[in-house]
C-alpha atoms as a PDB file:
ATOM      1  CA  UNK A   1     -18.999  14.322  18.804  1.00  0.00           C
ATOM      2  CA  UNK A   2     -20.156  11.695  16.349  1.00  0.00           C
ATOM      3  CA  UNK A   3     -20.686   8.178  17.607  1.00  0.00           C
ATOM      4  CA  UNK A   4     -20.020   5.330  15.228  1.00  0.00           C
ATOM      5  CA  UNK A   5     -22.032   2.200  14.946  1.00  0.00           C
ATOM      6  CA  UNK A   6     -20.410  -1.153  14.246  1.00  0.00           C
ATOM      7  CA  UNK A   7     -21.801  -1.176  10.715  1.00  0.00           C
ATOM      8  CA  UNK A   8     -20.584   2.325   9.847  1.00  0.00           C
ATOM      9  CA  UNK A   9     -18.369   1.934   6.759  1.00  0.00           C
ATOM     10  CA  UNK A  10     -16.189   4.953   7.586  1.00  0.00           C
ATOM     11  CA  UNK A  11     -15.575   3.668  11.076  1.00  0.00           C
ATOM     12  CA  UNK A  12     -14.584   0.270   9.669  1.00  0.00           C
ATOM     13  CA  UNK A  13     -12.189   1.890   7.150  1.00  0.00           C
ATOM     14  CA  UNK A  14     -10.667   3.969   9.920  1.00  0.00           C
ATOM     15  CA  UNK A  15     -10.181   0.913  12.127  1.00  0.00           C
ATOM     16  CA  UNK A  16      -8.578  -1.000   9.249  1.00  0.00           C
ATOM     17  CA  UNK A  17      -6.269   1.920   8.437  1.00  0.00           C
ATOM     18  CA  UNK A  18      -5.185   2.172  12.078  1.00  0.00           C
ATOM     19  CA  UNK A  19      -4.644  -1.608  12.114  1.00  0.00           C
ATOM     20  CA  UNK A  20      -2.453  -1.284   9.014  1.00  0.00           C
ATOM     21  CA  UNK A  21      -0.403   1.497  10.592  1.00  0.00           C
ATOM     22  CA  UNK A  22       0.016  -0.351  13.869  1.00  0.00           C
ATOM     23  CA  UNK A  23       0.831  -3.556  12.032  1.00  0.00           C
ATOM     24  CA  UNK A  24       4.040  -2.036  10.776  1.00  0.00           C
ATOM     25  CA  UNK A  25       3.229  -1.657   7.108  1.00  0.00           C
ATOM     26  CA  UNK A  26       3.697   2.083   7.326  1.00  0.00           C
ATOM     27  CA  UNK A  27       6.417   3.926   9.168  1.00  0.00           C
ATOM     28  CA  UNK A  28       5.972   6.630  11.739  1.00  0.00           C
ATOM     29  CA  UNK A  29       4.852   6.687  15.334  1.00  0.00           C
ATOM     30  CA  UNK A  30       2.437   3.766  14.945  1.00  0.00           C
ATOM     31  CA  UNK A  31       4.386   1.727  12.437  1.00  0.00           C
ATOM     32  CA  UNK A  32       6.934  -0.960  12.754  1.00  0.00           C
ATOM     33  CA  UNK A  33       9.016  -2.782  10.241  1.00  0.00           C
ATOM     34  CA  UNK A  34      11.807  -1.062   8.422  1.00  0.00           C
ATOM     35  CA  UNK A  35      10.481   2.482   8.871  1.00  0.00           C
ATOM     36  CA  UNK A  36       9.117   2.378  12.405  1.00  0.00           C
ATOM     37  CA  UNK A  37      10.185   1.127  15.785  1.00  0.00           C
ATOM     38  CA  UNK A  38       7.434  -1.382  16.621  1.00  0.00           C
ATOM     39  CA  UNK A  39       7.389  -5.080  16.047  1.00  0.00           C
ATOM     40  CA  UNK A  40       6.337  -5.965  12.518  1.00  0.00           C
ATOM     41  CA  UNK A  41       3.152  -7.985  12.319  1.00  0.00           C
ATOM     42  CA  UNK A  42       1.677 -10.044   9.522  1.00  0.00           C
ATOM     43  CA  UNK A  43      -0.552  -8.339   7.000  1.00  0.00           C
ATOM     44  CA  UNK A  44      -3.007 -11.221   6.848  1.00  0.00           C
ATOM     45  CA  UNK A  45      -4.442 -13.413   9.558  1.00  0.00           C
ATOM     46  CA  UNK A  46      -4.664 -17.192   9.168  1.00  0.00           C
ATOM     47  CA  UNK A  47      -5.995 -18.107   5.736  1.00  0.00           C
ATOM     48  CA  UNK A  48      -6.655 -14.540   4.549  1.00  0.00           C
ATOM     49  CA  UNK A  49      -3.831 -14.516   2.016  1.00  0.00           C
ATOM     50  CA  UNK A  50      -5.300 -17.668   0.503  1.00  0.00           C
ATOM     51  CA  UNK A  51      -8.646 -15.874   0.159  1.00  0.00           C
ATOM     52  CA  UNK A  52      -7.038 -12.754  -1.344  1.00  0.00           C
ATOM     53  CA  UNK A  53      -5.148 -14.813  -3.927  1.00  0.00           C
ATOM     54  CA  UNK A  54      -8.284 -16.757  -4.740  1.00  0.00           C
ATOM     55  CA  UNK A  55     -10.276 -13.528  -5.133  1.00  0.00           C
ATOM     56  CA  UNK A  56      -7.612 -12.107  -7.460  1.00  0.00           C
ATOM     57  CA  UNK A  57      -7.550 -15.202  -9.666  1.00  0.00           C
ATOM     58  CA  UNK A  58     -11.338 -15.136  -9.738  1.00  0.00           C
ATOM     59  CA  UNK A  59     -10.992 -11.774 -11.490  1.00  0.00           C
ATOM     60  CA  UNK A  60      -8.540 -13.267 -13.997  1.00  0.00           C
ATOM     61  CA  UNK A  61      -5.968 -16.082 -14.136  1.00  0.00           C
ATOM     62  CA  UNK A  62      -2.596 -14.850 -12.852  1.00  0.00           C
ATOM     63  CA  UNK A  63       1.026 -15.854 -12.376  1.00  0.00           C
ATOM     64  CA  UNK A  64       2.580 -15.655  -8.913  1.00  0.00           C
ATOM     65  CA  UNK A  65       4.508 -12.526  -9.824  1.00  0.00           C
ATOM     66  CA  UNK A  66       1.271 -10.934 -11.090  1.00  0.00           C
ATOM     67  CA  UNK A  67      -0.414 -11.736  -7.783  1.00  0.00           C
ATOM     68  CA  UNK A  68       2.403 -10.099  -5.815  1.00  0.00           C
ATOM     69  CA  UNK A  69       2.297  -6.977  -8.006  1.00  0.00           C
ATOM     70  CA  UNK A  70      -1.504  -6.762  -7.851  1.00  0.00           C
ATOM     71  CA  UNK A  71      -1.471  -6.846  -4.052  1.00  0.00           C
ATOM     72  CA  UNK A  72       1.272  -4.235  -4.027  1.00  0.00           C
ATOM     73  CA  UNK A  73      -0.784  -2.085  -6.386  1.00  0.00           C
ATOM     74  CA  UNK A  74      -3.935  -2.424  -4.270  1.00  0.00           C
ATOM     75  CA  UNK A  75      -2.046  -1.258  -1.171  1.00  0.00           C
ATOM     76  CA  UNK A  76      -0.641   1.763  -2.944  1.00  0.00           C
ATOM     77  CA  UNK A  77       2.823   0.206  -2.867  1.00  0.00           C
ATOM     78  CA  UNK A  78       2.845  -0.168   0.919  1.00  0.00           C
ATOM     79  CA  UNK A  79       2.888  -3.966   0.984  1.00  0.00           C
ATOM     80  CA  UNK A  80       3.938  -6.790  -1.301  1.00  0.00           C
ATOM     81  CA  UNK A  81       3.866 -10.368  -0.042  1.00  0.00           C
ATOM     82  CA  UNK A  82       7.068 -12.310  -0.465  1.00  0.00           C
ATOM     83  CA  UNK A  83       7.376 -15.030  -3.102  1.00  0.00           C
ATOM     84  CA  UNK A  84       8.180 -17.398  -0.218  1.00  0.00           C
ATOM     85  CA  UNK A  85       4.607 -16.948   1.005  1.00  0.00           C
ATOM     86  CA  UNK A  86       2.744 -16.556  -2.291  1.00  0.00           C
ATOM     87  CA  UNK A  87       4.063 -19.593  -4.193  1.00  0.00           C
ATOM     88  CA  UNK A  88       3.392 -22.141  -1.429  1.00  0.00           C
ATOM     89  CA  UNK A  89      -0.098 -20.647  -1.028  1.00  0.00           C
ATOM     90  CA  UNK A  90      -0.675 -21.081  -4.759  1.00  0.00           C
ATOM     91  CA  UNK A  91       0.340 -24.738  -4.431  1.00  0.00           C
ATOM     92  CA  UNK A  92      -2.037 -25.093  -1.476  1.00  0.00           C
ATOM     93  CA  UNK A  93      -4.916 -23.661  -3.551  1.00  0.00           C
ATOM     94  CA  UNK A  94      -4.207 -26.288  -6.219  1.00  0.00           C
ATOM     95  CA  UNK A  95      -3.958 -29.077  -3.631  1.00  0.00           C
ATOM     96  CA  UNK A  96      -7.278 -27.988  -2.102  1.00  0.00           C
ATOM     97  CA  UNK A  97      -8.938 -28.066  -5.541  1.00  0.00           C
ATOM     98  CA  UNK A  98      -9.757 -24.351  -5.341  1.00  0.00           C
ATOM     99  CA  UNK A  99      -7.521 -23.451  -8.285  1.00  0.00           C
ATOM    100  CA  UNK A 100      -5.772 -25.191 -11.109  1.00  0.00           C
ATOM    101  CA  UNK A 101      -2.927 -24.468 -13.461  1.00  0.00           C
ATOM    102  CA  UNK A 102      -3.680 -23.270 -16.952  1.00  0.00           C
ATOM    103  CA  UNK A 103      -1.487 -23.518 -20.001  1.00  0.00           C
ATOM    104  CA  UNK A 104       0.663 -20.409 -20.272  1.00  0.00           C
ATOM    105  CA  UNK A 105       3.559 -19.065 -22.246  1.00  0.00           C
ATOM    106  CA  UNK A 106       6.772 -19.776 -20.412  1.00  0.00           C
ATOM    107  CA  UNK A 107       7.562 -21.758 -17.284  1.00  0.00           C
ATOM    108  CA  UNK A 108       5.445 -19.805 -14.779  1.00  0.00           C
ATOM    109  CA  UNK A 109       2.278 -21.265 -13.267  1.00  0.00           C
ATOM    110  CA  UNK A 110      -0.853 -19.486 -14.441  1.00  0.00           C
ATOM    111  CA  UNK A 111      -3.460 -20.021 -11.758  1.00  0.00           C
ATOM    112  CA  UNK A 112      -7.201 -20.036 -12.485  1.00  0.00           C
ATOM    113  CA  UNK A 113     -10.084 -20.473 -10.071  1.00  0.00           C
ATOM    114  CA  UNK A 114     -12.174 -23.656 -10.102  1.00  0.00           C
ATOM    115  CA  UNK A 115     -15.882 -23.971  -9.381  1.00  0.00           C
ATOM    116  CA  UNK A 116     -14.956 -25.227  -5.898  1.00  0.00           C
ATOM    117  CA  UNK A 117     -12.855 -22.065  -5.488  1.00  0.00           C
ATOM    118  CA  UNK A 118     -15.809 -19.864  -6.437  1.00  0.00           C
ATOM    119  CA  UNK A 119     -17.977 -21.670  -3.894  1.00  0.00           C
ATOM    120  CA  UNK A 120     -15.233 -21.263  -1.272  1.00  0.00           C
ATOM    121  CA  UNK A 121     -15.280 -17.489  -1.854  1.00  0.00           C
ATOM    122  CA  UNK A 122     -19.077 -17.372  -1.551  1.00  0.00           C
ATOM    123  CA  UNK A 123     -18.976 -19.321   1.732  1.00  0.00           C
ATOM    124  CA  UNK A 124     -16.345 -16.965   3.151  1.00  0.00           C
ATOM    125  CA  UNK A 125     -17.632 -13.711   1.633  1.00  0.00           C
ATOM    126  CA  UNK A 126     -17.285 -11.755   4.899  1.00  0.00           C
ATOM    127  CA  UNK A 127     -13.669 -12.851   5.374  1.00  0.00           C
ATOM    128  CA  UNK A 128     -12.883 -12.020   1.742  1.00  0.00           C
ATOM    129  CA  UNK A 129     -14.455  -8.588   2.145  1.00  0.00           C
ATOM    130  CA  UNK A 130     -12.437  -7.913   5.306  1.00  0.00           C
ATOM    131  CA  UNK A 131      -9.151  -8.941   3.708  1.00  0.00           C
ATOM    132  CA  UNK A 132      -9.762  -6.948   0.520  1.00  0.00           C
ATOM    133  CA  UNK A 133     -10.914  -3.934   2.575  1.00  0.00           C
ATOM    134  CA  UNK A 134      -7.643  -4.100   4.496  1.00  0.00           C
ATOM    135  CA  UNK A 135      -5.747  -3.722   1.210  1.00  0.00           C
ATOM    136  CA  UNK A 136      -7.902  -0.745   0.211  1.00  0.00           C
ATOM    137  CA  UNK A 137      -7.576   0.880   3.647  1.00  0.00           C
ATOM    138  CA  UNK A 138      -3.811   0.542   3.517  1.00  0.00           C
ATOM    139  CA  UNK A 139      -3.802   2.184   0.071  1.00  0.00           C
ATOM    140  CA  UNK A 140      -5.838   5.121   1.442  1.00  0.00           C
ATOM    141  CA  UNK A 141      -3.475   5.587   4.366  1.00  0.00           C
ATOM    142  CA  UNK A 142      -0.514   5.381   2.004  1.00  0.00           C
ATOM    143  CA  UNK A 143      -2.084   7.962  -0.287  1.00  0.00           C
ATOM    144  CA  UNK A 144      -2.663  10.383   2.584  1.00  0.00           C
ATOM    145  CA  UNK A 145       0.790   9.905   4.054  1.00  0.00           C
ATOM    146  CA  UNK A 146       2.768   9.747   0.816  1.00  0.00           C
ATOM    147  CA  UNK A 147       4.866  12.877   0.721  1.00  0.00           C
ATOM    148  CA  UNK A 148       6.399  12.187  -2.695  1.00  0.00           C
ATOM    149  CA  UNK A 149       5.098  15.446  -4.231  1.00  0.00           C
ATOM    150  CA  UNK A 150       6.472  17.384  -1.257  1.00  0.00           C
ATOM    151  CA  UNK A 151       9.842  15.613  -1.485  1.00  0.00           C
ATOM    152  CA  UNK A 152       9.961  16.406  -5.208  1.00  0.00           C
ATOM    153  CA  UNK A 153       9.169  20.080  -4.577  1.00  0.00           C
ATOM    154  CA  UNK A 154      11.812  20.268  -1.833  1.00  0.00           C
ATOM    155  CA  UNK A 155      14.394  18.770  -4.181  1.00  0.00           C
ATOM    156  CA  UNK A 156      13.413  21.302  -6.855  1.00  0.00           C
ATOM    157  CA  UNK A 157      13.809  24.106  -4.309  1.00  0.00           C
ATOM    158  CA  UNK A 158      17.205  22.834  -3.227  1.00  0.00           C
ATOM    159  CA  UNK A 159      18.374  22.644  -6.838  1.00  0.00           C
ATOM    160  CA  UNK A 160      17.033  26.121  -7.672  1.00  0.00           C
ATOM    161  CA  UNK A 161      18.694  27.625  -4.580  1.00  0.00           C
ATOM    162  CA  UNK A 162      21.991  25.955  -5.340  1.00  0.00           C
ATOM    163  CA  UNK A 163      21.919  26.998  -9.000  1.00  0.00           C
ATOM    164  CA  UNK A 164      20.924  30.601  -8.329  1.00  0.00           C
ATOM    165  CA  UNK A 165      23.092  31.288  -5.283  1.00  0.00           C
ATOM    166  CA  UNK A 166      26.207  29.687  -6.776  1.00  0.00           C
ATOM    167  CA  UNK A 167      26.196  31.999  -9.801  1.00  0.00           C
ATOM    168  CA  UNK A 168      28.717  34.807 -10.097  1.00  0.00           C
ATOM    169  CA  UNK A 169      27.427  38.225  -9.105  1.00  0.00           C
ATOM    170  CA  UNK A 170      25.025  37.122  -6.356  1.00  0.00           C
ATOM    171  CA  UNK A 171      24.602  40.185  -4.184  1.00  0.00           C
ATOM    172  CA  UNK A 172      23.425  40.597  -0.638  1.00  0.00           C
ATOM    173  CA  UNK A 173      20.153  41.976  -2.026  1.00  0.00           C
ATOM    174  CA  UNK A 174      19.559  38.748  -3.997  1.00  0.00           C
ATOM    175  CA  UNK A 175      20.264  36.665  -0.894  1.00  0.00           C
ATOM    176  CA  UNK A 176      17.810  38.763   1.130  1.00  0.00           C
ATOM    177  CA  UNK A 177      15.148  38.453  -1.618  1.00  0.00           C
ATOM    178  CA  UNK A 178      15.570  34.662  -1.654  1.00  0.00           C
ATOM    179  CA  UNK A 179      15.208  34.607   2.131  1.00  0.00           C
ATOM    180  CA  UNK A 180      12.057  36.789   1.890  1.00  0.00           C
ATOM    181  CA  UNK A 181      10.508  34.424  -0.681  1.00  0.00           C
ATOM    182  CA  UNK A 182      11.297  31.404   1.493  1.00  0.00           C
ATOM    183  CA  UNK A 183       9.881  33.093   4.610  1.00  0.00           C
ATOM    184  CA  UNK A 184       6.716  33.952   2.673  1.00  0.00           C
ATOM    185  CA  UNK A 185       6.360  30.304   1.583  1.00  0.00           C
ATOM    186  CA  UNK A 186       6.835  29.147   5.184  1.00  0.00           C
ATOM    187  CA  UNK A 187       4.069  31.488   6.337  1.00  0.00           C
ATOM    188  CA  UNK A 188       1.688  30.210   3.665  1.00  0.00           C
ATOM    189  CA  UNK A 189       2.413  26.583   4.585  1.00  0.00           C
ATOM    190  CA  UNK A 190       1.846  27.289   8.283  1.00  0.00           C
ATOM    191  CA  UNK A 191      -1.565  28.817   7.477  1.00  0.00           C
ATOM    192  CA  UNK A 192      -2.761  25.747   5.537  1.00  0.00           C
END
C-alpha cells in the first residue's frame, strides 16, 4: 500500500476531488445539491471566490458573465457561480482597489486587475493555488464521471432497436439474433 505525504500532488488532487464530491457539486453517493441527497455546501471558502475572480482578470480583463463562464469551463461544467455572488464580488474588488473598470463596448463592466491586485495575488499565492486547484480537481472528477458518451450510445441503441424491430417482417430469428448481439455486448462490458 502506498503512503502519501502531505506534499504529494496526487494525494492533494484526490483530496480536493473528494471535497468537491462531498460538497455537493456532483451527484451520487457523496454528492448533495440537486443530484444528490446531502446538504449542498459552498464551493469556495471565505474570500476564495474573490481570489479566483482576481486571478482570472489577471489573465485578461473580463465581464461578469465571462467570469461565470470561465469558472464553469474550468470545472468541466460542474459548477458556475451565480450572478448574485459574482457581481457583488466584482464591486468589492473595485472598492478594495484590487481591480478597476475598463472602457468596454456595451453596458457591462469590464474588470481589469490593478497593481495592488497583482500584489494581493502574490501575497496570497497559496490560497490562490488551492482555489484554482479545486476548480481543476472538480473538472477531473467531472470528466471521469461524465457518462455523456455512454448515454449517447444507449440512445443510439434504443433508436436502432426500435427502428429494426418495428419493421414489417421481423421474424423470431431476427429477435433472437438481436438478443444474442446484446448479450454479447453485455459480456464484453462486464469484462472491462
